Amino acid sequence: MTNLVGFAVPAWLSIQALESSSPTDDKHWLTYWVAFSSFTLLESIALRGLIYFVPYWFVIKSLALVYLQLPSTRGAAKLYDNVIRPVFVKKLAPAARQSAASTSATSSAPVDDYVKTI
């Protein structure tokens, strides 16, 4: 039941959002998937403890996923703005920028050689 709430319904609504002309619903569902994947990652690290120490874990998880999904609660946006984005900006973004810069510097030489031959 939790997987139905977490995967199937949002996937269906994401497809509908992609087929609509409004970019607002696209942003909502993209934010949901980022929040959902972060939530799932943390859960996978601590699943045994959660199941053992938190009674009715899957009921709580299902309710949390509904909270993340509902546009009226803006749960996914709140989680992203208050938790995920600050962590990403402070910890992960500088490393990603540095990695991208070193990759582009080393990978641009073959492209430059190709452009010169044309």
N, C-alpha and C. Protein backbone atom coordinates (compact mmCIF):
# COMPACT_ATOMS: atom_id res chain seq x y z
N MET A 1 0.82 -1.19 0.00
CA MET A 1 0.00 0.00 0.00
C MET A 1 0.88 1.27 0.00
N THR A 2 1.96 1.23 0.78
CA THR A 2 2.87 2.38 0.84
C THR A 2 3.49 2.65 -0.53
N ASN A 3 3.86 1.61 -1.25
CA ASN A 3 4.44 1.80 -2.58
C ASN A 3 3.42 2.36 -3.55
N LEU A 4 2.16 1.97 -3.41
CA LEU A 4 1.11 2.53 -4.26
C LEU A 4 0.98 4.02 -4.01
N VAL A 5 1.01 4.42 -2.74
CA VAL A 5 0.91 5.84 -2.38
C VAL A 5 2.16 6.60 -2.82
N GLY A 6 3.33 5.98 -2.66
CA GLY A 6 4.59 6.68 -2.92
C GLY A 6 5.02 6.70 -4.37
N PHE A 7 4.66 5.64 -5.14
CA PHE A 7 5.13 5.53 -6.52
C PHE A 7 4.03 5.69 -7.56
N ALA A 8 3.00 4.87 -7.46
CA ALA A 8 2.02 4.77 -8.54
C ALA A 8 1.22 6.05 -8.73
N VAL A 9 0.64 6.55 -7.68
CA VAL A 9 -0.17 7.78 -7.80
C VAL A 9 0.69 8.96 -8.25
N PRO A 10 1.85 9.21 -7.63
CA PRO A 10 2.68 10.33 -8.10
C PRO A 10 3.18 10.15 -9.54
N ALA A 11 3.46 8.92 -9.94
CA ALA A 11 3.90 8.70 -11.32
C ALA A 11 2.78 9.08 -12.29
N TRP A 12 1.58 8.67 -11.99
CA TRP A 12 0.43 9.00 -12.84
C TRP A 12 0.23 10.52 -12.90
N LEU A 13 0.28 11.16 -11.74
CA LEU A 13 0.08 12.61 -11.69
C LEU A 13 1.25 13.36 -12.34
N SER A 14 2.46 12.80 -12.26
CA SER A 14 3.61 13.41 -12.93
C SER A 14 3.47 13.35 -14.44
N ILE A 15 2.96 12.24 -14.95
CA ILE A 15 2.72 12.13 -16.39
C ILE A 15 1.68 13.15 -16.83
N GLN A 16 0.61 13.28 -16.04
CA GLN A 16 -0.41 14.28 -16.37
C GLN A 16 0.19 15.69 -16.34
N ALA A 17 1.05 15.95 -15.38
CA ALA A 17 1.68 17.27 -15.28
C ALA A 17 2.58 17.54 -16.48
N LEU A 18 3.32 16.54 -16.92
CA LEU A 18 4.19 16.72 -18.09
C LEU A 18 3.38 16.98 -19.36
N GLU A 19 2.21 16.40 -19.44
CA GLU A 19 1.37 16.58 -20.62
C GLU A 19 0.56 17.88 -20.59
N SER A 20 0.51 18.54 -19.44
CA SER A 20 -0.21 19.80 -19.36
C SER A 20 0.69 20.95 -19.80
N SER A 21 0.09 22.10 -20.02
CA SER A 21 0.88 23.25 -20.48
C SER A 21 1.42 24.10 -19.33
N SER A 22 1.00 23.81 -18.11
CA SER A 22 1.40 24.62 -16.95
C SER A 22 2.74 24.14 -16.38
N PRO A 23 3.70 25.04 -16.21
CA PRO A 23 4.97 24.63 -15.61
C PRO A 23 4.89 24.51 -14.08
N THR A 24 3.83 25.03 -13.47
CA THR A 24 3.71 24.99 -12.02
C THR A 24 3.59 23.56 -11.52
N ASP A 25 2.75 22.75 -12.17
CA ASP A 25 2.59 21.38 -11.72
C ASP A 25 3.84 20.55 -12.01
N ASP A 26 4.58 20.90 -13.05
CA ASP A 26 5.85 20.21 -13.32
C ASP A 26 6.82 20.43 -12.16
N LYS A 27 6.92 21.67 -11.71
CA LYS A 27 7.82 21.99 -10.60
C LYS A 27 7.38 21.28 -9.32
N HIS A 28 6.07 21.23 -9.10
CA HIS A 28 5.55 20.55 -7.91
C HIS A 28 5.97 19.09 -7.89
N TRP A 29 5.79 18.40 -9.01
CA TRP A 29 6.11 16.96 -9.03
C TRP A 29 7.60 16.70 -9.08
N LEU A 30 8.36 17.57 -9.70
CA LEU A 30 9.81 17.42 -9.67
C LEU A 30 10.33 17.58 -8.24
N THR A 31 9.79 18.56 -7.54
CA THR A 31 10.15 18.76 -6.14
C THR A 31 9.75 17.55 -5.30
N TYR A 32 8.57 17.00 -5.58
CA TYR A 32 8.13 15.79 -4.86
C TYR A 32 9.13 14.66 -5.06
N TRP A 33 9.56 14.43 -6.30
CA TRP A 33 10.47 13.30 -6.56
C TRP A 33 11.83 13.50 -5.88
N VAL A 34 12.30 14.73 -5.80
CA VAL A 34 13.55 15.00 -5.08
C VAL A 34 13.36 14.72 -3.58
N ALA A 35 12.24 15.19 -3.02
CA ALA A 35 11.95 14.96 -1.61
C ALA A 35 11.74 13.47 -1.35
N PHE A 36 11.03 12.80 -2.23
CA PHE A 36 10.77 11.37 -2.08
C PHE A 36 12.06 10.56 -2.12
N SER A 37 12.94 10.88 -3.05
CA SER A 37 14.19 10.13 -3.15
C SER A 37 15.08 10.37 -1.94
N SER A 38 15.10 11.59 -1.42
CA SER A 38 15.86 11.87 -0.20
C SER A 38 15.29 11.11 0.98
N PHE A 39 13.98 11.13 1.09
CA PHE A 39 13.28 10.40 2.16
C PHE A 39 13.58 8.90 2.06
N THR A 40 13.52 8.35 0.86
CA THR A 40 13.77 6.93 0.64
C THR A 40 15.22 6.57 0.93
N LEU A 41 16.15 7.44 0.57
CA LEU A 41 17.56 7.20 0.85
C LEU A 41 17.80 7.11 2.35
N LEU A 42 17.29 8.07 3.10
CA LEU A 42 17.45 8.04 4.55
C LEU A 42 16.77 6.83 5.16
N GLU A 43 15.61 6.49 4.64
CA GLU A 43 14.89 5.32 5.15
C GLU A 43 15.68 4.04 4.89
N SER A 44 16.28 3.93 3.73
CA SER A 44 17.02 2.71 3.41
C SER A 44 18.24 2.53 4.32
N ILE A 45 18.79 3.63 4.79
CA ILE A 45 19.93 3.55 5.70
C ILE A 45 19.49 3.06 7.07
N ALA A 46 18.31 3.47 7.51
CA ALA A 46 17.87 3.19 8.88
C ALA A 46 16.60 2.33 8.95
N LEU A 47 16.31 1.54 7.93
CA LEU A 47 15.04 0.82 7.88
C LEU A 47 14.84 -0.15 9.03
N ARG A 48 15.85 -0.93 9.35
CA ARG A 48 15.70 -1.89 10.45
C ARG A 48 15.34 -1.20 11.76
N GLY A 49 16.02 -0.10 12.04
CA GLY A 49 15.74 0.64 13.27
C GLY A 49 14.36 1.25 13.26
N LEU A 50 13.95 1.77 12.10
CA LEU A 50 12.63 2.37 12.00
C LEU A 50 11.53 1.34 12.23
N ILE A 51 11.67 0.18 11.60
CA ILE A 51 10.65 -0.85 11.74
C ILE A 51 10.61 -1.38 13.17
N TYR A 52 11.77 -1.48 13.80
CA TYR A 52 11.84 -2.03 15.15
C TYR A 52 11.37 -1.03 16.21
N PHE A 53 11.79 0.23 16.10
CA PHE A 53 11.53 1.21 17.15
C PHE A 53 10.30 2.09 16.92
N VAL A 54 9.83 2.19 15.69
CA VAL A 54 8.68 3.05 15.39
C VAL A 54 7.48 2.18 15.04
N PRO A 55 6.53 2.10 15.97
CA PRO A 55 5.34 1.30 15.65
C PRO A 55 4.56 1.93 14.49
N TYR A 56 3.99 1.09 13.66
CA TYR A 56 3.20 1.55 12.51
C TYR A 56 4.01 2.42 11.56
N TRP A 57 5.27 2.04 11.34
CA TRP A 57 6.14 2.84 10.48
C TRP A 57 5.55 3.06 9.09
N PHE A 58 4.99 2.02 8.49
CA PHE A 58 4.51 2.15 7.12
C PHE A 58 3.24 3.01 7.04
N VAL A 59 2.46 3.05 8.08
CA VAL A 59 1.31 3.97 8.12
C VAL A 59 1.82 5.41 8.20
N ILE A 60 2.80 5.63 9.06
CA ILE A 60 3.39 6.97 9.21
C ILE A 60 4.04 7.40 7.90
N LYS A 61 4.75 6.48 7.25
CA LYS A 61 5.40 6.80 5.98
C LYS A 61 4.35 7.14 4.92
N SER A 62 3.28 6.39 4.85
CA SER A 62 2.23 6.67 3.88
C SER A 62 1.63 8.06 4.10
N LEU A 63 1.38 8.40 5.34
CA LEU A 63 0.83 9.73 5.65
C LEU A 63 1.84 10.83 5.30
N ALA A 64 3.11 10.58 5.55
CA ALA A 64 4.15 11.55 5.21
C ALA A 64 4.23 11.74 3.70
N LEU A 65 4.09 10.67 2.94
CA LEU A 65 4.13 10.78 1.48
C LEU A 65 2.93 11.55 0.95
N VAL A 66 1.76 11.33 1.54
CA VAL A 66 0.59 12.10 1.14
C VAL A 66 0.81 13.58 1.44
N TYR A 67 1.40 13.87 2.60
CA TYR A 67 1.73 15.25 2.95
C TYR A 67 2.68 15.87 1.92
N LEU A 68 3.67 15.11 1.48
CA LEU A 68 4.60 15.62 0.47
C LEU A 68 3.91 15.86 -0.87
N GLN A 69 2.92 15.04 -1.19
CA GLN A 69 2.27 15.11 -2.49
C GLN A 69 1.26 16.23 -2.62
N LEU A 70 0.54 16.53 -1.57
CA LEU A 70 -0.58 17.46 -1.68
C LEU A 70 -0.13 18.89 -1.99
N PRO A 71 -0.68 19.46 -3.06
CA PRO A 71 -0.33 20.85 -3.37
C PRO A 71 -0.79 21.83 -2.28
N SER A 72 -1.86 21.49 -1.58
CA SER A 72 -2.37 22.40 -0.55
C SER A 72 -1.43 22.49 0.65
N THR A 73 -0.70 21.43 0.96
CA THR A 73 0.23 21.47 2.10
C THR A 73 1.62 21.95 1.70
N ARG A 74 1.94 21.85 0.42
CA ARG A 74 3.27 22.19 -0.10
C ARG A 74 4.37 21.49 0.71
N GLY A 75 4.10 20.24 1.08
CA GLY A 75 5.04 19.48 1.90
C GLY A 75 6.39 19.26 1.24
N ALA A 76 6.37 18.87 -0.03
CA ALA A 76 7.63 18.62 -0.73
C ALA A 76 8.43 19.91 -0.86
N ALA A 77 7.77 21.01 -1.16
CA ALA A 77 8.46 22.30 -1.29
C ALA A 77 9.05 22.74 0.05
N LYS A 78 8.30 22.53 1.13
CA LYS A 78 8.82 22.89 2.46
C LYS A 78 10.03 22.04 2.82
N LEU A 79 9.96 20.73 2.57
CA LEU A 79 11.09 19.85 2.86
C LEU A 79 12.30 20.25 2.03
N TYR A 80 12.07 20.53 0.75
CA TYR A 80 13.16 20.93 -0.13
C TYR A 80 13.79 22.25 0.32
N ASP A 81 12.96 23.25 0.56
CA ASP A 81 13.47 24.58 0.92
C ASP A 81 14.17 24.61 2.27
N ASN A 82 13.67 23.85 3.24
CA ASN A 82 14.19 23.92 4.60
C ASN A 82 15.27 22.89 4.93
N VAL A 83 15.32 21.77 4.20
CA VAL A 83 16.27 20.72 4.55
C VAL A 83 17.19 20.38 3.38
N ILE A 84 16.62 19.98 2.27
CA ILE A 84 17.42 19.44 1.16
C ILE A 84 18.28 20.52 0.51
N ARG A 85 17.68 21.65 0.17
CA ARG A 85 18.44 22.71 -0.51
C ARG A 85 19.59 23.24 0.33
N PRO A 86 19.39 23.55 1.62
CA PRO A 86 20.54 24.03 2.40
C PRO A 86 21.68 23.02 2.47
N VAL A 87 21.36 21.75 2.59
CA VAL A 87 22.41 20.72 2.61
C VAL A 87 23.11 20.68 1.26
N PHE A 88 22.35 20.71 0.19
CA PHE A 88 22.93 20.65 -1.14
C PHE A 88 23.82 21.86 -1.43
N VAL A 89 23.33 23.04 -1.10
CA VAL A 89 24.08 24.26 -1.40
C VAL A 89 25.37 24.32 -0.59
N LYS A 90 25.31 23.94 0.69
CA LYS A 90 26.50 24.04 1.54
C LYS A 90 27.49 22.91 1.31
N LYS A 91 27.02 21.70 1.12
CA LYS A 91 27.91 20.54 1.11
C LYS A 91 28.17 19.98 -0.28
N LEU A 92 27.13 19.81 -1.06
CA LEU A 92 27.28 19.07 -2.30
C LEU A 92 27.57 19.94 -3.52
N ALA A 93 27.00 21.11 -3.59
CA ALA A 93 27.18 21.95 -4.78
C ALA A 93 28.63 22.34 -5.03
N PRO A 94 29.43 22.76 -4.02
CA PRO A 94 30.83 23.09 -4.31
C PRO A 94 31.61 21.90 -4.87
N ALA A 95 31.37 20.72 -4.35
CA ALA A 95 32.06 19.53 -4.85
C ALA A 95 31.62 19.21 -6.27
N ALA A 96 30.34 19.38 -6.55
CA ALA A 96 29.83 19.11 -7.89
C ALA A 96 30.39 20.12 -8.89
N ARG A 97 30.47 21.38 -8.50
CA ARG A 97 31.03 22.41 -9.38
C ARG A 97 32.50 22.12 -9.67
N GLN A 98 33.25 21.73 -8.64
CA GLN A 98 34.67 21.44 -8.82
C GLN A 98 34.85 20.23 -9.72
N SER A 99 34.03 19.21 -9.53
CA SER A 99 34.11 18.01 -10.35
C SER A 99 33.75 18.32 -11.80
N ALA A 100 32.73 19.13 -12.00
CA ALA A 100 32.32 19.51 -13.36
C ALA A 100 33.41 20.34 -14.05
N ALA A 101 34.04 21.22 -13.30
CA ALA A 101 35.09 22.06 -13.88
C ALA A 101 36.28 21.21 -14.31
N SER A 102 36.68 20.25 -13.49
CA SER A 102 37.81 19.41 -13.86
C SER A 102 37.46 18.48 -15.00
N THR A 103 36.22 18.01 -15.06
CA THR A 103 35.80 17.14 -16.14
C THR A 103 35.72 17.91 -17.45
N SER A 104 35.19 19.13 -17.41
CA SER A 104 35.07 19.90 -18.64
C SER A 104 36.44 20.34 -19.15
N ALA A 105 37.36 20.58 -18.25
CA ALA A 105 38.70 20.98 -18.68
C ALA A 105 39.41 19.84 -19.39
N THR A 106 39.23 18.63 -18.90
CA THR A 106 39.91 17.50 -19.52
C THR A 106 39.17 17.01 -20.74
N SER A 107 37.86 17.17 -20.78
CA SER A 107 37.11 16.64 -21.91
C SER A 107 36.96 17.63 -23.05
N SER A 108 37.35 18.88 -22.88
CA SER A 108 37.19 19.85 -23.95
C SER A 108 38.31 19.73 -24.98
N ALA A 109 39.44 19.14 -24.64
CA ALA A 109 40.54 19.02 -25.59
C ALA A 109 40.15 18.20 -26.83
N PRO A 110 39.51 17.04 -26.71
CA PRO A 110 39.10 16.32 -27.92
C PRO A 110 38.09 17.12 -28.74
N VAL A 111 37.22 17.85 -28.09
CA VAL A 111 36.25 18.67 -28.82
C VAL A 111 36.98 19.76 -29.58
N ASP A 112 37.96 20.42 -28.94
CA ASP A 112 38.73 21.46 -29.60
C ASP A 112 39.47 20.91 -30.82
N ASP A 113 40.06 19.70 -30.66
CA ASP A 113 40.75 19.07 -31.78
C ASP A 113 39.79 18.79 -32.92
N TYR A 114 38.61 18.35 -32.61
CA TYR A 114 37.61 18.05 -33.62
C TYR A 114 37.20 19.32 -34.35
N VAL A 115 36.97 20.41 -33.62
CA VAL A 115 36.57 21.68 -34.22
C VAL A 115 37.68 22.19 -35.14
N LYS A 116 38.95 22.01 -34.75
CA LYS A 116 40.06 22.49 -35.59
C LYS A 116 40.12 21.72 -36.90
N THR A 117 39.77 20.43 -36.89
CA THR A 117 39.84 19.65 -38.11
C THR A 117 38.71 20.00 -39.08
N ILE A 118 37.65 20.55 -38.59
CA ILE A 118 36.53 20.93 -39.46
C ILE A 118 36.88 22.23 -40.13
